[in-house]
């Protein structure tokens, strides 16, 4: 433990190794946006995780009947 002047004893900070979990939504959104760490991309990740990676981005294309 370290002792700082006027603060008493302070525990050392433990850092985790590695980053966050990179799931399917992360990879889908990263491939779609050119500037990745942005507000638009993080919002898209949140939307993808809400509906599920299998259902994200499939709503725009509809089949036409003849």
Protein backbone atom coordinates (compact mmCIF):
# COMPACT_ATOMS: atom_id res chain seq x y z
CA UNK A 1 0.00 0.00 0.00
CA UNK A 2 1.07 3.53 -0.68
CA UNK A 3 0.86 6.37 1.76
CA UNK A 4 0.10 9.84 0.48
CA UNK A 5 0.46 12.98 2.50
CA UNK A 6 -2.82 13.94 4.15
CA UNK A 7 -4.91 11.14 2.66
CA UNK A 8 -4.04 8.06 4.70
CA UNK A 9 -3.53 4.69 3.05
CA UNK A 10 -4.55 4.17 -0.58
CA UNK A 11 -4.92 0.82 -2.29
CA UNK A 12 -3.14 0.42 -5.64
CA UNK A 13 -5.37 0.41 -8.71
CA UNK A 14 -5.76 -2.94 -10.47
CA UNK A 15 -6.26 -2.80 -14.24
CA UNK A 16 -7.99 -5.50 -16.23
CA UNK A 17 -6.13 -7.07 -19.11
CA UNK A 18 -7.75 -7.01 -22.52
CA UNK A 19 -10.66 -4.97 -23.81
CA UNK A 20 -14.39 -5.38 -23.79
CA UNK A 21 -16.13 -8.33 -25.38
CA UNK A 22 -16.42 -7.93 -29.12
CA UNK A 23 -19.69 -9.52 -30.15
CA UNK A 24 -21.44 -9.82 -33.51
CA UNK A 25 -23.03 -6.36 -33.19
CA UNK A 26 -19.62 -4.78 -32.69
CA UNK A 27 -18.30 -6.32 -35.90
CA UNK A 28 -21.43 -5.48 -37.93
CA UNK A 29 -21.41 -1.84 -36.89
CA UNK A 30 -17.64 -1.45 -37.27
CA UNK A 31 -17.84 -2.63 -40.87
CA UNK A 32 -20.67 -0.19 -41.62
CA UNK A 33 -19.19 3.05 -40.20
CA UNK A 34 -15.97 4.58 -41.50
CA UNK A 35 -15.20 6.60 -38.35
CA UNK A 36 -15.80 3.95 -35.77
CA UNK A 37 -15.47 5.40 -32.29
CA UNK A 38 -18.26 7.91 -32.82
CA UNK A 39 -21.64 8.70 -31.33
CA UNK A 40 -23.43 7.32 -34.40
CA UNK A 41 -21.58 4.02 -34.17
CA UNK A 42 -22.18 3.59 -30.45
CA UNK A 43 -25.89 4.30 -30.98
CA UNK A 44 -25.97 1.70 -33.73
CA UNK A 45 -24.34 -0.86 -31.42
CA UNK A 46 -27.01 -0.15 -28.81
CA UNK A 47 -29.80 -0.61 -31.39
CA UNK A 48 -28.21 -3.82 -32.66
CA UNK A 49 -27.93 -5.28 -29.18
CA UNK A 50 -31.55 -4.37 -28.49
CA UNK A 51 -32.98 -6.25 -31.49
CA UNK A 52 -30.30 -8.92 -31.77
CA UNK A 53 -27.50 -9.31 -34.29
CA UNK A 54 -29.45 -11.70 -36.52
CA UNK A 55 -32.31 -9.18 -36.94
CA UNK A 56 -30.24 -5.99 -37.20
CA UNK A 57 -30.12 -4.36 -40.64
CA UNK A 58 -32.62 -6.64 -42.40
CA UNK A 59 -35.62 -4.29 -42.44
CA UNK A 60 -34.76 -2.19 -45.49
CA UNK A 61 -34.96 -4.79 -48.23
CA UNK A 62 -38.34 -6.19 -49.27
CA UNK A 63 -39.08 -8.68 -51.98
CA UNK A 64 -41.32 -7.54 -54.83
CA UNK A 65 -44.16 -9.73 -56.05
CA UNK A 66 -44.87 -9.95 -59.76
